Amino acid sequence: MDEKRADAFFHALSDGTRRDILRRVLAGEHSVTALAEQYPMSFAAVQKHVAVLERAGLVTKRRSGRESLASGDVEAVRTVASLLAEFEDVWRGRVAGIDSLLAPDTSADTTSTD
């Protein structure tokens, strides 16, 4: 994944309202108007949040008459999950390295017959 796309994902997901919008549109298509009714902010502010999610590729929009309908892109979410899994693998590798350094040394011969 290129760095610009990763930056766009994490920028979009860095805001609680955007994460909530993403949860809603992953569960089903919503009009931006219906989404705006769920938040104590202006329609324009919700539209901007949806636009950030759309630019990141996490949400797609389509027109239906006068309505703008948003839905979540599951593949994009899987890409984010995959990226986070890579970070987790690095972290787990480091923890395993620390564990091996802290483990008791079992290589010394402790079976003396004296």
PDB file of N, CA and C in Angstrom:
ATOM      1  N   MET A   1       0.855  -1.182   0.000  1.00  0.00           N
ATOM      2  CA  MET A   1       0.000   0.000   0.000  1.00  0.00           C
ATOM      3  C   MET A   1       0.893   1.235   0.000  1.00  0.00           C
ATOM      4  N   ASP A   2       0.512   2.220  -0.816  1.00  0.00           N
ATOM      5  CA  ASP A   2       1.336   3.421  -0.819  1.00  0.00           C
ATOM      6  C   ASP A   2       1.043   4.275   0.408  1.00  0.00           C
ATOM      7  N   GLU A   3       2.043   5.067   0.758  1.00  0.00           N
ATOM      8  CA  GLU A   3       1.971   5.860   1.986  1.00  0.00           C
ATOM      9  C   GLU A   3       0.838   6.895   1.960  1.00  0.00           C
ATOM     10  N   LYS A   4       0.569   7.461   0.781  1.00  0.00           N
ATOM     11  CA  LYS A   4      -0.502   8.463   0.703  1.00  0.00           C
ATOM     12  C   LYS A   4      -1.855   7.842   1.025  1.00  0.00           C
ATOM     13  N   ARG A   5      -2.066   6.628   0.541  1.00  0.00           N
ATOM     14  CA  ARG A   5      -3.345   5.964   0.823  1.00  0.00           C
ATOM     15  C   ARG A   5      -3.449   5.627   2.308  1.00  0.00           C
ATOM     16  N   ALA A   6      -2.358   5.140   2.885  1.00  0.00           N
ATOM     17  CA  ALA A   6      -2.356   4.831   4.325  1.00  0.00           C
ATOM     18  C   ALA A   6      -2.616   6.103   5.127  1.00  0.00           C
ATOM     19  N   ASP A   7      -1.983   7.216   4.732  1.00  0.00           N
ATOM     20  CA  ASP A   7      -2.213   8.487   5.425  1.00  0.00           C
ATOM     21  C   ASP A   7      -3.689   8.885   5.347  1.00  0.00           C
ATOM     22  N   ALA A   8      -4.288   8.712   4.159  1.00  0.00           N
ATOM     23  CA  ALA A   8      -5.701   9.072   3.985  1.00  0.00           C
ATOM     24  C   ALA A   8      -6.602   8.205   4.861  1.00  0.00           C
ATOM     25  N   PHE A   9      -6.298   6.911   4.945  1.00  0.00           N
ATOM     26  CA  PHE A   9      -7.091   6.014   5.803  1.00  0.00           C
ATOM     27  C   PHE A   9      -7.037   6.486   7.249  1.00  0.00           C
ATOM     28  N   PHE A  10      -5.830   6.679   7.737  1.00  0.00           N
ATOM     29  CA  PHE A  10      -5.700   6.990   9.164  1.00  0.00           C
ATOM     30  C   PHE A  10      -6.162   8.403   9.485  1.00  0.00           C
ATOM     31  N   HIS A  11      -6.010   9.320   8.541  1.00  0.00           N
ATOM     32  CA  HIS A  11      -6.578  10.654   8.758  1.00  0.00           C
ATOM     33  C   HIS A  11      -8.101  10.542   8.867  1.00  0.00           C
ATOM     34  N   ALA A  12      -8.710   9.799   7.952  1.00  0.00           N
ATOM     35  CA  ALA A  12     -10.174   9.659   7.961  1.00  0.00           C
ATOM     36  C   ALA A  12     -10.652   8.986   9.247  1.00  0.00           C
ATOM     37  N   LEU A  13      -9.899   8.029   9.722  1.00  0.00           N
ATOM     38  CA  LEU A  13     -10.317   7.269  10.903  1.00  0.00           C
ATOM     39  C   LEU A  13      -9.890   7.925  12.217  1.00  0.00           C
ATOM     40  N   SER A  14      -9.214   9.052  12.135  1.00  0.00           N
ATOM     41  CA  SER A  14      -8.734   9.713  13.352  1.00  0.00           C
ATOM     42  C   SER A  14      -9.828  10.510  14.064  1.00  0.00           C
ATOM     43  N   ASP A  15     -10.981  10.608  13.460  1.00  0.00           N
ATOM     44  CA  ASP A  15     -12.073  11.408  14.024  1.00  0.00           C
ATOM     45  C   ASP A  15     -13.236  10.494  14.420  1.00  0.00           C
ATOM     46  N   GLY A  16     -13.741  10.682  15.629  1.00  0.00           N
ATOM     47  CA  GLY A  16     -14.821   9.837  16.138  1.00  0.00           C
ATOM     48  C   GLY A  16     -16.103   9.919  15.320  1.00  0.00           C
ATOM     49  N   THR A  17     -16.442  11.101  14.853  1.00  0.00           N
ATOM     50  CA  THR A  17     -17.656  11.238  14.030  1.00  0.00           C
ATOM     51  C   THR A  17     -17.501  10.457  12.734  1.00  0.00           C
ATOM     52  N   ARG A  18     -16.331  10.545  12.126  1.00  0.00           N
ATOM     53  CA  ARG A  18     -16.120   9.806  10.867  1.00  0.00           C
ATOM     54  C   ARG A  18     -16.159   8.302  11.106  1.00  0.00           C
ATOM     55  N   ARG A  19     -15.574   7.851  12.233  1.00  0.00           N
ATOM     56  CA  ARG A  19     -15.645   6.405  12.523  1.00  0.00           C
ATOM     57  C   ARG A  19     -17.095   5.980  12.716  1.00  0.00           C
ATOM     58  N   ASP A  20     -17.888   6.812  13.374  1.00  0.00           N
ATOM     59  CA  ASP A  20     -19.301   6.476  13.577  1.00  0.00           C
ATOM     60  C   ASP A  20     -20.049   6.458  12.242  1.00  0.00           C
ATOM     61  N   ILE A  21     -19.775   7.434  11.395  1.00  0.00           N
ATOM     62  CA  ILE A  21     -20.411   7.450  10.065  1.00  0.00           C
ATOM     63  C   ILE A  21     -20.027   6.182   9.304  1.00  0.00           C
ATOM     64  N   LEU A  22     -18.749   5.811   9.371  1.00  0.00           N
ATOM     65  CA  LEU A  22     -18.308   4.602   8.662  1.00  0.00           C
ATOM     66  C   LEU A  22     -19.042   3.370   9.186  1.00  0.00           C
ATOM     67  N   ARG A  23     -19.198   3.268  10.521  1.00  0.00           N
ATOM     68  CA  ARG A  23     -19.949   2.122  11.077  1.00  0.00           C
ATOM     69  C   ARG A  23     -21.362   2.078  10.493  1.00  0.00           C
ATOM     70  N   ARG A  24     -22.001   3.232  10.441  1.00  0.00           N
ATOM     71  CA  ARG A  24     -23.382   3.265   9.948  1.00  0.00           C
ATOM     72  C   ARG A  24     -23.471   2.862   8.477  1.00  0.00           C
ATOM     73  N   VAL A  25     -22.557   3.391   7.656  1.00  0.00           N
ATOM     74  CA  VAL A  25     -22.663   3.110   6.221  1.00  0.00           C
ATOM     75  C   VAL A  25     -22.133   1.727   5.858  1.00  0.00           C
ATOM     76  N   LEU A  26     -21.348   1.122   6.748  1.00  0.00           N
ATOM     77  CA  LEU A  26     -20.961  -0.275   6.524  1.00  0.00           C
ATOM     78  C   LEU A  26     -22.145  -1.198   6.793  1.00  0.00           C
ATOM     79  N   ALA A  27     -23.016  -0.791   7.713  1.00  0.00           N
ATOM     80  CA  ALA A  27     -24.204  -1.588   8.027  1.00  0.00           C
ATOM     81  C   ALA A  27     -25.262  -1.458   6.942  1.00  0.00           C
ATOM     82  N   GLY A  28     -25.211  -0.381   6.174  1.00  0.00           N
ATOM     83  CA  GLY A  28     -26.189  -0.190   5.115  1.00  0.00           C
ATOM     84  C   GLY A  28     -26.083   1.210   4.534  1.00  0.00           C
ATOM     85  N   GLU A  29     -26.570   1.343   3.327  1.00  0.00           N
ATOM     86  CA  GLU A  29     -26.508   2.625   2.630  1.00  0.00           C
ATOM     87  C   GLU A  29     -27.383   3.658   3.344  1.00  0.00           C
ATOM     88  N   HIS A  30     -26.847   4.855   3.514  1.00  0.00           N
ATOM     89  CA  HIS A  30     -27.570   5.950   4.161  1.00  0.00           C
ATOM     90  C   HIS A  30     -27.463   7.195   3.292  1.00  0.00           C
ATOM     91  N   SER A  31     -28.518   7.987   3.298  1.00  0.00           N
ATOM     92  CA  SER A  31     -28.408   9.283   2.642  1.00  0.00           C
ATOM     93  C   SER A  31     -27.606  10.198   3.556  1.00  0.00           C
ATOM     94  N   VAL A  32     -26.915  11.138   2.961  1.00  0.00           N
ATOM     95  CA  VAL A  32     -26.142  12.082   3.768  1.00  0.00           C
ATOM     96  C   VAL A  32     -27.096  12.899   4.627  1.00  0.00           C
ATOM     97  N   THR A  33     -28.276  13.171   4.140  1.00  0.00           N
ATOM     98  CA  THR A  33     -29.280  13.899   4.924  1.00  0.00           C
ATOM     99  C   THR A  33     -29.654  13.109   6.179  1.00  0.00           C
ATOM    100  N   ALA A  34     -29.894  11.807   6.017  1.00  0.00           N
ATOM    101  CA  ALA A  34     -30.244  10.979   7.177  1.00  0.00           C
ATOM    102  C   ALA A  34     -29.077  10.900   8.152  1.00  0.00           C
ATOM    103  N   LEU A  35     -27.861  10.830   7.630  1.00  0.00           N
ATOM    104  CA  LEU A  35     -26.692  10.811   8.510  1.00  0.00           C
ATOM    105  C   LEU A  35     -26.602  12.111   9.299  1.00  0.00           C
ATOM    106  N   ALA A  36     -26.841  13.223   8.631  1.00  0.00           N
ATOM    107  CA  ALA A  36     -26.720  14.534   9.280  1.00  0.00           C
ATOM    108  C   ALA A  36     -27.696  14.673  10.441  1.00  0.00           C
ATOM    109  N   GLU A  37     -28.838  14.002  10.368  1.00  0.00           N
ATOM    110  CA  GLU A  37     -29.824  14.068  11.445  1.00  0.00           C
ATOM    111  C   GLU A  37     -29.338  13.373  12.716  1.00  0.00           C
ATOM    112  N   GLN A  38     -28.283  12.571  12.605  1.00  0.00           N
ATOM    113  CA  GLN A  38     -27.782  11.790  13.746  1.00  0.00           C
ATOM    114  C   GLN A  38     -26.758  12.543  14.587  1.00  0.00           C
ATOM    115  N   TYR A  39     -26.305  13.711  14.106  1.00  0.00           N
ATOM    116  CA  TYR A  39     -25.204  14.387  14.785  1.00  0.00           C
ATOM    117  C   TYR A  39     -25.573  15.825  15.113  1.00  0.00           C
ATOM    118  N   PRO A  40     -25.062  16.312  16.257  1.00  0.00           N
ATOM    119  CA  PRO A  40     -25.343  17.698  16.646  1.00  0.00           C
ATOM    120  C   PRO A  40     -24.418  18.677  15.934  1.00  0.00           C
ATOM    121  N   MET A  41     -24.468  18.654  14.631  1.00  0.00           N
ATOM    122  CA  MET A  41     -23.650  19.565  13.825  1.00  0.00           C
ATOM    123  C   MET A  41     -24.402  19.856  12.539  1.00  0.00           C
ATOM    124  N   SER A  42     -23.899  20.788  11.798  1.00  0.00           N
ATOM    125  CA  SER A  42     -24.596  21.198  10.573  1.00  0.00           C
ATOM    126  C   SER A  42     -24.519  20.103   9.504  1.00  0.00           C
ATOM    127  N   PHE A  43     -25.440  20.181   8.557  1.00  0.00           N
ATOM    128  CA  PHE A  43     -25.422  19.272   7.409  1.00  0.00           C
ATOM    129  C   PHE A  43     -24.088  19.391   6.671  1.00  0.00           C
ATOM    130  N   ALA A  44     -23.619  20.639   6.517  1.00  0.00           N
ATOM    131  CA  ALA A  44     -22.362  20.872   5.793  1.00  0.00           C
ATOM    132  C   ALA A  44     -21.193  20.180   6.500  1.00  0.00           C
ATOM    133  N   ALA A  45     -21.194  20.203   7.835  1.00  0.00           N
ATOM    134  CA  ALA A  45     -20.107  19.551   8.580  1.00  0.00           C
ATOM    135  C   ALA A  45     -20.136  18.037   8.351  1.00  0.00           C
ATOM    136  N   VAL A  46     -21.336  17.452   8.367  1.00  0.00           N
ATOM    137  CA  VAL A  46     -21.445  16.004   8.123  1.00  0.00           C
ATOM    138  C   VAL A  46     -21.031  15.690   6.687  1.00  0.00           C
ATOM    139  N   GLN A  47     -21.427  16.547   5.767  1.00  0.00           N
ATOM    140  CA  GLN A  47     -21.016  16.370   4.363  1.00  0.00           C
ATOM    141  C   GLN A  47     -19.495  16.357   4.246  1.00  0.00           C
ATOM    142  N   LYS A  48     -18.831  17.233   4.980  1.00  0.00           N
ATOM    143  CA  LYS A  48     -17.362  17.275   4.940  1.00  0.00           C
ATOM    144  C   LYS A  48     -16.764  16.000   5.513  1.00  0.00           C
ATOM    145  N   HIS A  49     -17.356  15.496   6.595  1.00  0.00           N
ATOM    146  CA  HIS A  49     -16.857  14.228   7.154  1.00  0.00           C
ATOM    147  C   HIS A  49     -17.015  13.097   6.131  1.00  0.00           C
ATOM    148  N   VAL A  50     -18.155  13.043   5.468  1.00  0.00           N
ATOM    149  CA  VAL A  50     -18.378  12.003   4.458  1.00  0.00           C
ATOM    150  C   VAL A  50     -17.387  12.178   3.308  1.00  0.00           C
ATOM    151  N   ALA A  51     -17.094  13.416   2.940  1.00  0.00           N
ATOM    152  CA  ALA A  51     -16.138  13.671   1.855  1.00  0.00           C
ATOM    153  C   ALA A  51     -14.736  13.178   2.223  1.00  0.00           C
ATOM    154  N   VAL A  52     -14.346  13.365   3.472  1.00  0.00           N
ATOM    155  CA  VAL A  52     -13.025  12.866   3.917  1.00  0.00           C
ATOM    156  C   VAL A  52     -12.991  11.340   3.803  1.00  0.00           C
ATOM    157  N   LEU A  53     -14.065  10.698   4.246  1.00  0.00           N
ATOM    158  CA  LEU A  53     -14.139   9.236   4.149  1.00  0.00           C
ATOM    159  C   LEU A  53     -14.127   8.788   2.690  1.00  0.00           C
ATOM    160  N   GLU A  54     -14.797   9.541   1.840  1.00  0.00           N
ATOM    161  CA  GLU A  54     -14.847   9.211   0.408  1.00  0.00           C
ATOM    162  C   GLU A  54     -13.469   9.373  -0.228  1.00  0.00           C
ATOM    163  N   ARG A  55     -12.767  10.455   0.080  1.00  0.00           N
ATOM    164  CA  ARG A  55     -11.425  10.662  -0.480  1.00  0.00           C
ATOM    165  C   ARG A  55     -10.466   9.558  -0.038  1.00  0.00           C
ATOM    166  N   ALA A  56     -10.668   9.035   1.166  1.00  0.00           N
ATOM    167  CA  ALA A  56      -9.819   7.944   1.658  1.00  0.00           C
ATOM    168  C   ALA A  56     -10.189   6.614   1.004  1.00  0.00           C
ATOM    169  N   GLY A  57     -11.335   6.573   0.343  1.00  0.00           N
ATOM    170  CA  GLY A  57     -11.774   5.335  -0.295  1.00  0.00           C
ATOM    171  C   GLY A  57     -12.555   4.426   0.626  1.00  0.00           C
ATOM    172  N   LEU A  58     -12.876   4.917   1.823  1.00  0.00           N
ATOM    173  CA  LEU A  58     -13.608   4.086   2.774  1.00  0.00           C
ATOM    174  C   LEU A  58     -15.110   4.126   2.531  1.00  0.00           C
ATOM    175  N   VAL A  59     -15.572   5.155   1.830  1.00  0.00           N
ATOM    176  CA  VAL A  59     -17.001   5.340   1.547  1.00  0.00           C
ATOM    177  C   VAL A  59     -17.161   5.667   0.067  1.00  0.00           C
ATOM    178  N   THR A  60     -18.205   5.133  -0.516  1.00  0.00           N
ATOM    179  CA  THR A  60     -18.561   5.520  -1.884  1.00  0.00           C
ATOM    180  C   THR A  60     -19.916   6.211  -1.831  1.00  0.00           C
ATOM    181  N   LYS A  61     -20.114   7.129  -2.760  1.00  0.00           N
ATOM    182  CA  LYS A  61     -21.388   7.840  -2.817  1.00  0.00           C
ATOM    183  C   LYS A  61     -21.981   7.674  -4.207  1.00  0.00           C
ATOM    184  N   ARG A  62     -23.310   7.700  -4.242  1.00  0.00           N
ATOM    185  CA  ARG A  62     -24.019   7.685  -5.514  1.00  0.00           C
ATOM    186  C   ARG A  62     -25.226   8.583  -5.381  1.00  0.00           C
ATOM    187  N   ARG A  63     -25.689   9.064  -6.486  1.00  0.00           N
ATOM    188  CA  ARG A  63     -26.857   9.933  -6.487  1.00  0.00           C
ATOM    189  C   ARG A  63     -28.103   9.097  -6.749  1.00  0.00           C
ATOM    190  N   SER A  64     -29.166   9.440  -6.057  1.00  0.00           N
ATOM    191  CA  SER A  64     -30.475   8.858  -6.325  1.00  0.00           C
ATOM    192  C   SER A  64     -31.466  10.008  -6.234  1.00  0.00           C
ATOM    193  N   GLY A  65     -31.825  10.547  -7.375  1.00  0.00           N
ATOM    194  CA  GLY A  65     -32.669  11.734  -7.386  1.00  0.00           C
ATOM    195  C   GLY A  65     -31.921  12.902  -6.779  1.00  0.00           C
ATOM    196  N   ARG A  66     -32.504  13.466  -5.766  1.00  0.00           N
ATOM    197  CA  ARG A  66     -31.867  14.606  -5.106  1.00  0.00           C
ATOM    198  C   ARG A  66     -30.988  14.175  -3.934  1.00  0.00           C
ATOM    199  N   GLU A  67     -31.018  12.881  -3.644  1.00  0.00           N
ATOM    200  CA  GLU A  67     -30.281  12.370  -2.499  1.00  0.00           C
ATOM    201  C   GLU A  67     -28.871  11.916  -2.888  1.00  0.00           C
ATOM    202  N   SER A  68     -27.963  12.108  -1.969  1.00  0.00           N
ATOM    203  CA  SER A  68     -26.624  11.561  -2.084  1.00  0.00           C
ATOM    204  C   SER A  68     -26.545  10.409  -1.091  1.00  0.00           C
ATOM    205  N   LEU A  69     -26.331   9.199  -1.602  1.00  0.00           N
ATOM    206  CA  LEU A  69     -26.329   7.997  -0.765  1.00  0.00           C
ATOM    207  C   LEU A  69     -24.912   7.499  -0.561  1.00  0.00           C
ATOM    208  N   ALA A  70     -24.581   7.223   0.691  1.00  0.00           N
ATOM    209  CA  ALA A  70     -23.231   6.781   1.046  1.00  0.00           C
ATOM    210  C   ALA A  70     -23.261   5.342   1.526  1.00  0.00           C
ATOM    211  N   SER A  71     -22.248   4.591   1.113  1.00  0.00           N
ATOM    212  CA  SER A  71     -22.095   3.226   1.632  1.00  0.00           C
ATOM    213  C   SER A  71     -20.622   2.956   1.887  1.00  0.00           C
ATOM    214  N   GLY A  72     -20.393   2.059   2.826  1.00  0.00           N
ATOM    215  CA  GLY A  72     -19.024   1.741   3.201  1.00  0.00           C
ATOM    216  C   GLY A  72     -18.394   0.753   2.245  1.00  0.00           C
ATOM    217  N   ASP A  73     -17.090   0.865   2.063  1.00  0.00           N
ATOM    218  CA  ASP A  73     -16.352  -0.049   1.200  1.00  0.00           C
ATOM    219  C   ASP A  73     -15.632  -1.071   2.083  1.00  0.00           C
ATOM    220  N   VAL A  74     -16.173  -2.268   2.113  1.00  0.00           N
ATOM    221  CA  VAL A  74     -15.638  -3.313   2.995  1.00  0.00           C
ATOM    222  C   VAL A  74     -14.200  -3.664   2.615  1.00  0.00           C
ATOM    223  N   GLU A  75     -13.886  -3.667   1.332  1.00  0.00           N
ATOM    224  CA  GLU A  75     -12.520  -3.998   0.904  1.00  0.00           C
ATOM    225  C   GLU A  75     -11.522  -2.975   1.439  1.00  0.00           C
ATOM    226  N   ALA A  76     -11.900  -1.712   1.450  1.00  0.00           N
ATOM    227  CA  ALA A  76     -11.001  -0.683   1.994  1.00  0.00           C
ATOM    228  C   ALA A  76     -10.788  -0.907   3.485  1.00  0.00           C
ATOM    229  N   VAL A  77     -11.842  -1.282   4.190  1.00  0.00           N
ATOM    230  CA  VAL A  77     -11.711  -1.553   5.624  1.00  0.00           C
ATOM    231  C   VAL A  77     -10.793  -2.761   5.837  1.00  0.00           C
ATOM    232  N   ARG A  78     -10.918  -3.751   4.976  1.00  0.00           N
ATOM    233  CA  ARG A  78     -10.027  -4.923   5.079  1.00  0.00           C
ATOM    234  C   ARG A  78      -8.572  -4.518   4.827  1.00  0.00           C
ATOM    235  N   THR A  79      -8.361  -3.581   3.922  1.00  0.00           N
ATOM    236  CA  THR A  79      -7.004  -3.092   3.660  1.00  0.00           C
ATOM    237  C   THR A  79      -6.437  -2.427   4.904  1.00  0.00           C
ATOM    238  N   VAL A  80      -7.257  -1.619   5.593  1.00  0.00           N
ATOM    239  CA  VAL A  80      -6.820  -0.987   6.842  1.00  0.00           C
ATOM    240  C   VAL A  80      -6.500  -2.068   7.877  1.00  0.00           C
ATOM    241  N   ALA A  81      -7.370  -3.066   7.980  1.00  0.00           N
ATOM    242  CA  ALA A  81      -7.146  -4.153   8.945  1.00  0.00           C
ATOM    243  C   ALA A  81      -5.845  -4.888   8.628  1.00  0.00           C
ATOM    244  N   SER A  82      -5.574  -5.089   7.355  1.00  0.00           N
ATOM    245  CA  SER A  82      -4.346  -5.764   6.944  1.00  0.00           C
ATOM    246  C   SER A  82      -3.116  -4.942   7.328  1.00  0.00           C
ATOM    247  N   LEU A  83      -3.212  -3.631   7.126  1.00  0.00           N
ATOM    248  CA  LEU A  83      -2.100  -2.756   7.499  1.00  0.00           C
ATOM    249  C   LEU A  83      -1.861  -2.811   9.006  1.00  0.00           C
ATOM    250  N   LEU A  84      -2.926  -2.785   9.781  1.00  0.00           N
ATOM    251  CA  LEU A  84      -2.786  -2.866  11.236  1.00  0.00           C
ATOM    252  C   LEU A  84      -2.217  -4.228  11.657  1.00  0.00           C
ATOM    253  N   ALA A  85      -2.589  -5.280  10.927  1.00  0.00           N
ATOM    254  CA  ALA A  85      -2.056  -6.611  11.234  1.00  0.00           C
ATOM    255  C   ALA A  85      -0.546  -6.643  11.008  1.00  0.00           C
ATOM    256  N   GLU A  86      -0.073  -5.928   9.970  1.00  0.00           N
ATOM    257  CA  GLU A  86       1.374  -5.845   9.741  1.00  0.00           C
ATOM    258  C   GLU A  86       2.069  -5.197  10.934  1.00  0.00           C
ATOM    259  N   PHE A  87       1.477  -4.103  11.443  1.00  0.00           N
ATOM    260  CA  PHE A  87       2.055  -3.436  12.612  1.00  0.00           C
ATOM    261  C   PHE A  87       2.047  -4.372  13.821  1.00  0.00           C
ATOM    262  N   GLU A  88       0.962  -5.122  13.978  1.00  0.00           N
ATOM    263  CA  GLU A  88       0.869  -6.056  15.101  1.00  0.00           C
ATOM    264  C   GLU A  88       1.956  -7.126  14.989  1.00  0.00           C
ATOM    265  N   ASP A  89       2.208  -7.609  13.768  1.00  0.00           N
ATOM    266  CA  ASP A  89       3.250  -8.621  13.578  1.00  0.00           C
ATOM    267  C   ASP A  89       4.614  -8.089  13.996  1.00  0.00           C
ATOM    268  N   VAL A  90       4.900  -6.838  13.640  1.00  0.00           N
ATOM    269  CA  VAL A  90       6.175  -6.234  14.043  1.00  0.00           C
ATOM    270  C   VAL A  90       6.250  -6.175  15.561  1.00  0.00           C
ATOM    271  N   TRP A  91       5.165  -5.713  16.182  1.00  0.00           N
ATOM    272  CA  TRP A  91       5.137  -5.599  17.640  1.00  0.00           C
ATOM    273  C   TRP A  91       5.295  -6.961  18.293  1.00  0.00           C
ATOM    274  N   ARG A  92       4.581  -7.968  17.792  1.00  0.00           N
ATOM    275  CA  ARG A  92       4.683  -9.316  18.369  1.00  0.00           C
ATOM    276  C   ARG A  92       6.097  -9.873  18.219  1.00  0.00           C
ATOM    277  N   GLY A  93       6.748  -9.566  17.104  1.00  0.00           N
ATOM    278  CA  GLY A  93       8.130 -10.001  16.910  1.00  0.00           C
ATOM    279  C   GLY A  93       9.049  -9.381  17.943  1.00  0.00           C
ATOM    280  N   ARG A  94       8.830  -8.111  18.236  1.00  0.00           N
ATOM    281  CA  ARG A  94       9.662  -7.442  19.249  1.00  0.00           C
ATOM    282  C   ARG A  94       9.406  -8.026  20.635  1.00  0.00           C
ATOM    283  N   VAL A  95       8.144  -8.284  20.948  1.00  0.00           N
ATOM    284  CA  VAL A  95       7.818  -8.878  22.250  1.00  0.00           C
ATOM    285  C   VAL A  95       8.445 -10.267  22.365  1.00  0.00           C
ATOM    286  N   ALA A  96       8.401 -11.032  21.291  1.00  0.00           N
ATOM    287  CA  ALA A  96       9.008 -12.369  21.308  1.00  0.00           C
ATOM    288  C   ALA A  96      10.512 -12.255  21.530  1.00  0.00           C
ATOM    289  N   GLY A  97      11.129 -11.247  20.932  1.00  0.00           N
ATOM    290  CA  GLY A  97      12.562 -11.032  21.134  1.00  0.00           C
ATOM    291  C   GLY A  97      12.876 -10.697  22.577  1.00  0.00           C
ATOM    292  N   ILE A  98      12.069  -9.847  23.186  1.00  0.00           N
ATOM    293  CA  ILE A  98      12.266  -9.485  24.592  1.00  0.00           C
ATOM    294  C   ILE A  98      12.063 -10.709  25.474  1.00  0.00           C
ATOM    295  N   ASP A  99      11.024 -11.495  25.182  1.00  0.00           N
ATOM    296  CA  ASP A  99      10.765 -12.719  25.958  1.00  0.00           C
ATOM    297  C   ASP A  99      11.959 -13.667  25.896  1.00  0.00           C
ATOM    298  N   SER A 100      12.556 -13.798  24.722  1.00  0.00           N
ATOM    299  CA  SER A 100      13.695 -14.726  24.613  1.00  0.00           C
ATOM    300  C   SER A 100      14.907 -14.201  25.375  1.00  0.00           C
ATOM    301  N   LEU A 101      15.067 -12.867  25.429  1.00  0.00           N
ATOM    302  CA  LEU A 101      16.176 -12.302  26.212  1.00  0.00           C
ATOM    303  C   LEU A 101      15.975 -12.493  27.711  1.00  0.00           C
ATOM    304  N   LEU A 102      14.722 -12.450  28.155  1.00  0.00           N
ATOM    305  CA  LEU A 102      14.414 -12.559  29.582  1.00  0.00           C
ATOM    306  C   LEU A 102      14.240 -13.998  30.060  1.00  0.00           C
ATOM    307  N   ALA A 103      14.138 -14.923  29.131  1.00  0.00           N
ATOM    308  CA  ALA A 103      13.929 -16.326  29.512  1.00  0.00           C
ATOM    309  C   ALA A 103      15.172 -16.863  30.225  1.00  0.00           C
ATOM    310  N   PRO A 104      14.969 -17.743  31.219  1.00  0.00           N
ATOM    311  CA  PRO A 104      16.128 -18.327  31.907  1.00  0.00           C
ATOM    312  C   PRO A 104      17.000 -19.091  30.916  1.00  0.00           C
ATOM    313  N   ASP A 105      18.308 -19.035  31.155  1.00  0.00           N
ATOM    314  CA  ASP A 105      19.256 -19.715  30.282  1.00  0.00           C
ATOM    315  C   ASP A 105      19.232 -21.206  30.606  1.00  0.00           C
ATOM    316  N   THR A 106      18.750 -21.996  29.709  1.00  0.00           N
ATOM    317  CA  THR A 106      18.654 -23.451  29.925  1.00  0.00           C
ATOM    318  C   THR A 106      19.790 -24.192  29.253  1.00  0.00           C
ATOM    319  N   SER A 107      20.731 -23.444  28.647  1.00  0.00           N
ATOM    320  CA  SER A 107      21.820 -24.100  27.928  1.00  0.00           C
ATOM    321  C   SER A 107      22.940 -24.583  28.866  1.00  0.00           C
ATOM    322  N   ALA A 108      22.987 -24.027  30.087  1.00  0.00           N
ATOM    323  CA  ALA A 108      24.038 -24.453  31.016  1.00  0.00           C
ATOM    324  C   ALA A 108      23.746 -25.864  31.526  1.00  0.00           C
ATOM    325  N   ASP A 109      24.772 -26.631  31.696  1.00  0.00           N
ATOM    326  CA  ASP A 109      24.609 -28.001  32.172  1.00  0.00           C
ATOM    327  C   ASP A 109      24.364 -28.008  33.680  1.00  0.00           C
ATOM    328  N   THR A 110      23.193 -28.407  34.093  1.00  0.00           N
ATOM    329  CA  THR A 110      22.843 -28.433  35.519  1.00  0.00           C
ATOM    330  C   THR A 110      22.729 -29.843  36.048  1.00  0.00           C
ATOM    331  N   THR A 111      23.178 -30.816  35.254  1.00  0.00           N
ATOM    332  CA  THR A 111      23.034 -32.221  35.664  1.00  0.00           C
ATOM    333  C   THR A 111      24.360 -32.782  36.175  1.00  0.00           C
ATOM    334  N   SER A 112      24.979 -32.068  37.071  1.00  0.00           N
ATOM    335  CA  SER A 112      26.256 -32.517  37.619  1.00  0.00           C
ATOM    336  C   SER A 112      26.072 -33.812  38.440  1.00  0.00           C
ATOM    337  N   THR A 113      27.006 -34.726  38.330  1.00  0.00           N
ATOM    338  CA  THR A 113      26.904 -35.989  39.050  1.00  0.00           C
ATOM    339  C   THR A 113      27.737 -36.006  40.317  1.00  0.00           C
ATOM    340  N   ASP A 114      28.318 -34.884  40.712  1.00  0.00           N
ATOM    341  CA  ASP A 114      29.157 -34.830  41.922  1.00  0.00           C
ATOM    342  C   ASP A 114      28.380 -34.927  43.191  1.00  0.00           C
TER     343      ASP A 114
END
